[in-house]
Amino acid sequence: MIRSERIATHIRALEDEYWQAYREGNRSCREFIHDDFLGWPRDKLPQDKEGIVAHITGRRRECQAVNCAAITLSNSVALVLFARDANRICHTWIKDEDTWKLLGGMSRHGPAKP
């Protein structure tokens, strides 16, 4: 497996862990989020790290599996595109020292199928 494939596999595994914490409303989602995070959930104003953690924590969600549609890597940045239910989601991960952290995200409601 070439290096970029290993990194993409690692990022997908981090996303799986993040989405599990999201569905459970678990505060452990915080460990995946960079201190400089900025995200825009589909039903909220843009949120920083503390805002998005508050948005996630304490609310169990029944949602379909998150399907990774595409991932691209450039140096220490990974861009991941998803479909979940009828939502489209974009996550940006950045390598901070030796750890990948979620730097940004955006969600919008879209058609069920692209």
C-alpha atoms as a PDB file:
ATOM      1  CA  MET A   1       0.000   0.000   0.000  1.00  0.00           C
ATOM      2  CA  ILE A   2       1.474   3.376  -0.958  1.00  0.00           C
ATOM      3  CA  ARG A   3       1.770   6.131   1.639  1.00  0.00           C
ATOM      4  CA  SER A   4      -1.231   8.162   0.432  1.00  0.00           C
ATOM      5  CA  GLU A   5      -3.443   5.054   0.524  1.00  0.00           C
ATOM      6  CA  ARG A   6      -2.333   4.361   4.113  1.00  0.00           C
ATOM      7  CA  ILE A   7      -3.133   7.947   5.100  1.00  0.00           C
ATOM      8  CA  ALA A   8      -6.538   7.818   3.386  1.00  0.00           C
ATOM      9  CA  THR A   9      -7.308   4.547   5.194  1.00  0.00           C
ATOM     10  CA  HIS A  10      -6.266   6.159   8.499  1.00  0.00           C
ATOM     11  CA  ILE A  11      -8.447   9.232   7.861  1.00  0.00           C
ATOM     12  CA  ARG A  12     -11.439   6.995   7.029  1.00  0.00           C
ATOM     13  CA  ALA A  13     -10.889   5.128  10.318  1.00  0.00           C
ATOM     14  CA  LEU A  14     -10.800   8.449  12.213  1.00  0.00           C
ATOM     15  CA  GLU A  15     -14.011   9.483  10.464  1.00  0.00           C
ATOM     16  CA  ASP A  16     -15.658   6.204  11.494  1.00  0.00           C
ATOM     17  CA  GLU A  17     -14.697   6.850  15.135  1.00  0.00           C
ATOM     18  CA  TYR A  18     -15.833  10.485  14.927  1.00  0.00           C
ATOM     19  CA  TRP A  19     -19.213   9.523  13.424  1.00  0.00           C
ATOM     20  CA  GLN A  20     -19.726   6.863  16.099  1.00  0.00           C
ATOM     21  CA  ALA A  21     -19.178   9.519  18.796  1.00  0.00           C
ATOM     22  CA  TYR A  22     -21.508  11.866  16.856  1.00  0.00           C
ATOM     23  CA  ARG A  23     -24.336   9.285  16.697  1.00  0.00           C
ATOM     24  CA  GLU A  24     -23.938   8.571  20.412  1.00  0.00           C
ATOM     25  CA  GLY A  25     -23.800  12.275  21.344  1.00  0.00           C
ATOM     26  CA  ASN A  26     -20.550  11.439  23.081  1.00  0.00           C
ATOM     27  CA  ARG A  27     -18.172  14.151  24.269  1.00  0.00           C
ATOM     28  CA  SER A  28     -15.283  11.961  23.060  1.00  0.00           C
ATOM     29  CA  CYS A  29     -15.833  13.650  19.663  1.00  0.00           C
ATOM     30  CA  ARG A  30     -13.774  16.499  21.152  1.00  0.00           C
ATOM     31  CA  GLU A  31     -10.528  14.505  20.821  1.00  0.00           C
ATOM     32  CA  PHE A  32     -10.854  14.526  17.000  1.00  0.00           C
ATOM     33  CA  ILE A  33     -11.434  18.286  16.680  1.00  0.00           C
ATOM     34  CA  HIS A  34      -8.610  20.802  16.190  1.00  0.00           C
ATOM     35  CA  ASP A  35      -8.496  23.808  18.548  1.00  0.00           C
ATOM     36  CA  ASP A  36      -8.885  26.157  15.537  1.00  0.00           C
ATOM     37  CA  PHE A  37     -11.931  24.279  14.159  1.00  0.00           C
ATOM     38  CA  LEU A  38     -14.599  26.140  12.218  1.00  0.00           C
ATOM     39  CA  GLY A  39     -17.657  24.300  10.977  1.00  0.00           C
ATOM     40  CA  TRP A  40     -21.096  25.024   9.617  1.00  0.00           C
ATOM     41  CA  PRO A  41     -23.758  22.479  10.564  1.00  0.00           C
ATOM     42  CA  ARG A  42     -26.756  22.610   8.239  1.00  0.00           C
ATOM     43  CA  ASP A  43     -29.147  23.897  10.929  1.00  0.00           C
ATOM     44  CA  LYS A  44     -26.862  26.278  12.838  1.00  0.00           C
ATOM     45  CA  LEU A  45     -24.610  29.285  12.400  1.00  0.00           C
ATOM     46  CA  PRO A  46     -20.875  28.616  11.982  1.00  0.00           C
ATOM     47  CA  GLN A  47     -19.397  27.010  15.101  1.00  0.00           C
ATOM     48  CA  ASP A  48     -15.965  26.908  16.713  1.00  0.00           C
ATOM     49  CA  LYS A  49     -14.647  23.845  18.555  1.00  0.00           C
ATOM     50  CA  GLU A  50     -16.623  24.426  21.743  1.00  0.00           C
ATOM     51  CA  GLY A  51     -19.782  25.237  19.768  1.00  0.00           C
ATOM     52  CA  ILE A  52     -19.636  22.079  17.684  1.00  0.00           C
ATOM     53  CA  VAL A  53     -18.858  19.913  20.727  1.00  0.00           C
ATOM     54  CA  ALA A  54     -21.898  21.431  22.487  1.00  0.00           C
ATOM     55  CA  HIS A  55     -23.976  20.808  19.338  1.00  0.00           C
ATOM     56  CA  ILE A  56     -22.975  17.116  19.298  1.00  0.00           C
ATOM     57  CA  THR A  57     -22.858  16.270  23.007  1.00  0.00           C
ATOM     58  CA  GLY A  58     -25.839  14.763  24.769  1.00  0.00           C
ATOM     59  CA  ARG A  59     -28.041  14.079  21.723  1.00  0.00           C
ATOM     60  CA  ARG A  60     -28.236  10.520  20.406  1.00  0.00           C
ATOM     61  CA  ARG A  61     -28.898  10.486  16.682  1.00  0.00           C
ATOM     62  CA  GLU A  62     -30.527   7.795  14.629  1.00  0.00           C
ATOM     63  CA  CYS A  63     -28.973   8.326  11.228  1.00  0.00           C
ATOM     64  CA  GLN A  64     -27.953   6.181   8.360  1.00  0.00           C
ATOM     65  CA  ALA A  65     -24.353   5.204   7.896  1.00  0.00           C
ATOM     66  CA  VAL A  66     -22.085   7.912   6.588  1.00  0.00           C
ATOM     67  CA  ASN A  67     -20.780   6.989   3.159  1.00  0.00           C
ATOM     68  CA  CYS A  68     -17.429   8.398   2.102  1.00  0.00           C
ATOM     69  CA  ALA A  69     -17.885   9.619  -1.470  1.00  0.00           C
ATOM     70  CA  ALA A  70     -14.339  10.892  -2.033  1.00  0.00           C
ATOM     71  CA  ILE A  71     -11.114  11.759  -0.277  1.00  0.00           C
ATOM     72  CA  THR A  72      -8.117  13.740  -1.507  1.00  0.00           C
ATOM     73  CA  LEU A  73      -4.784  14.424   0.175  1.00  0.00           C
ATOM     74  CA  SER A  74      -2.308  17.266  -0.183  1.00  0.00           C
ATOM     75  CA  ASN A  75       0.706  17.243   2.124  1.00  0.00           C
ATOM     76  CA  SER A  76      -0.763  17.517   5.630  1.00  0.00           C
ATOM     77  CA  VAL A  77      -4.373  18.218   4.573  1.00  0.00           C
ATOM     78  CA  ALA A  78      -7.158  15.751   3.766  1.00  0.00           C
ATOM     79  CA  LEU A  79     -10.515  16.717   2.268  1.00  0.00           C
ATOM     80  CA  VAL A  80     -13.307  14.174   2.752  1.00  0.00           C
ATOM     81  CA  LEU A  81     -16.740  14.313   1.097  1.00  0.00           C
ATOM     82  CA  PHE A  82     -19.713  12.338   2.450  1.00  0.00           C
ATOM     83  CA  ALA A  83     -23.336  11.569   1.915  1.00  0.00           C
ATOM     84  CA  ARG A  84     -25.509  10.901   4.982  1.00  0.00           C
ATOM     85  CA  ASP A  85     -29.232  10.525   4.596  1.00  0.00           C
ATOM     86  CA  ALA A  86     -30.050  13.474   2.289  1.00  0.00           C
ATOM     87  CA  ASN A  87     -27.134  15.579   3.541  1.00  0.00           C
ATOM     88  CA  ARG A  88     -23.836  16.387   1.888  1.00  0.00           C
ATOM     89  CA  ILE A  89     -20.900  16.843   4.244  1.00  0.00           C
ATOM     90  CA  CYS A  90     -17.346  18.081   3.757  1.00  0.00           C
ATOM     91  CA  HIS A  91     -14.638  17.579   6.396  1.00  0.00           C
ATOM     92  CA  THR A  92     -11.133  19.010   6.305  1.00  0.00           C
ATOM     93  CA  TRP A  93      -8.482  17.230   8.357  1.00  0.00           C
ATOM     94  CA  ILE A  94      -5.036  18.638   9.103  1.00  0.00           C
ATOM     95  CA  LYS A  95      -1.992  16.880  10.482  1.00  0.00           C
ATOM     96  CA  ASP A  96      -1.005  18.695  13.655  1.00  0.00           C
ATOM     97  CA  GLU A  97       2.432  17.362  14.648  1.00  0.00           C
ATOM     98  CA  ASP A  98       1.817  13.582  14.536  1.00  0.00           C
ATOM     99  CA  THR A  99      -1.970  13.649  14.944  1.00  0.00           C
ATOM    100  CA  TRP A 100      -4.724  14.192  12.379  1.00  0.00           C
ATOM    101  CA  LYS A 101      -7.415  16.603  13.609  1.00  0.00           C
ATOM    102  CA  LEU A 102     -10.667  17.837  12.125  1.00  0.00           C
ATOM    103  CA  LEU A 103     -10.070  21.480  11.172  1.00  0.00           C
ATOM    104  CA  GLY A 104     -13.332  22.280   9.401  1.00  0.00           C
ATOM    105  CA  GLY A 105     -16.649  20.932   8.287  1.00  0.00           C
ATOM    106  CA  MET A 106     -19.748  21.950   6.401  1.00  0.00           C
ATOM    107  CA  SER A 107     -23.093  20.272   5.891  1.00  0.00           C
ATOM    108  CA  ARG A 108     -26.007  21.002   3.600  1.00  0.00           C
ATOM    109  CA  HIS A 109     -29.251  19.313   2.809  1.00  0.00           C
ATOM    110  CA  GLY A 110     -29.269  17.971  -0.738  1.00  0.00           C
ATOM    111  CA  PRO A 111     -30.977  15.476  -2.963  1.00  0.00           C
ATOM    112  CA  ALA A 112     -31.015  11.845  -1.839  1.00  0.00           C
ATOM    113  CA  LYS A 113     -28.854  10.849  -4.798  1.00  0.00           C
ATOM    114  CA  PRO A 114     -26.295  13.006  -6.636  1.00  0.00           C
END
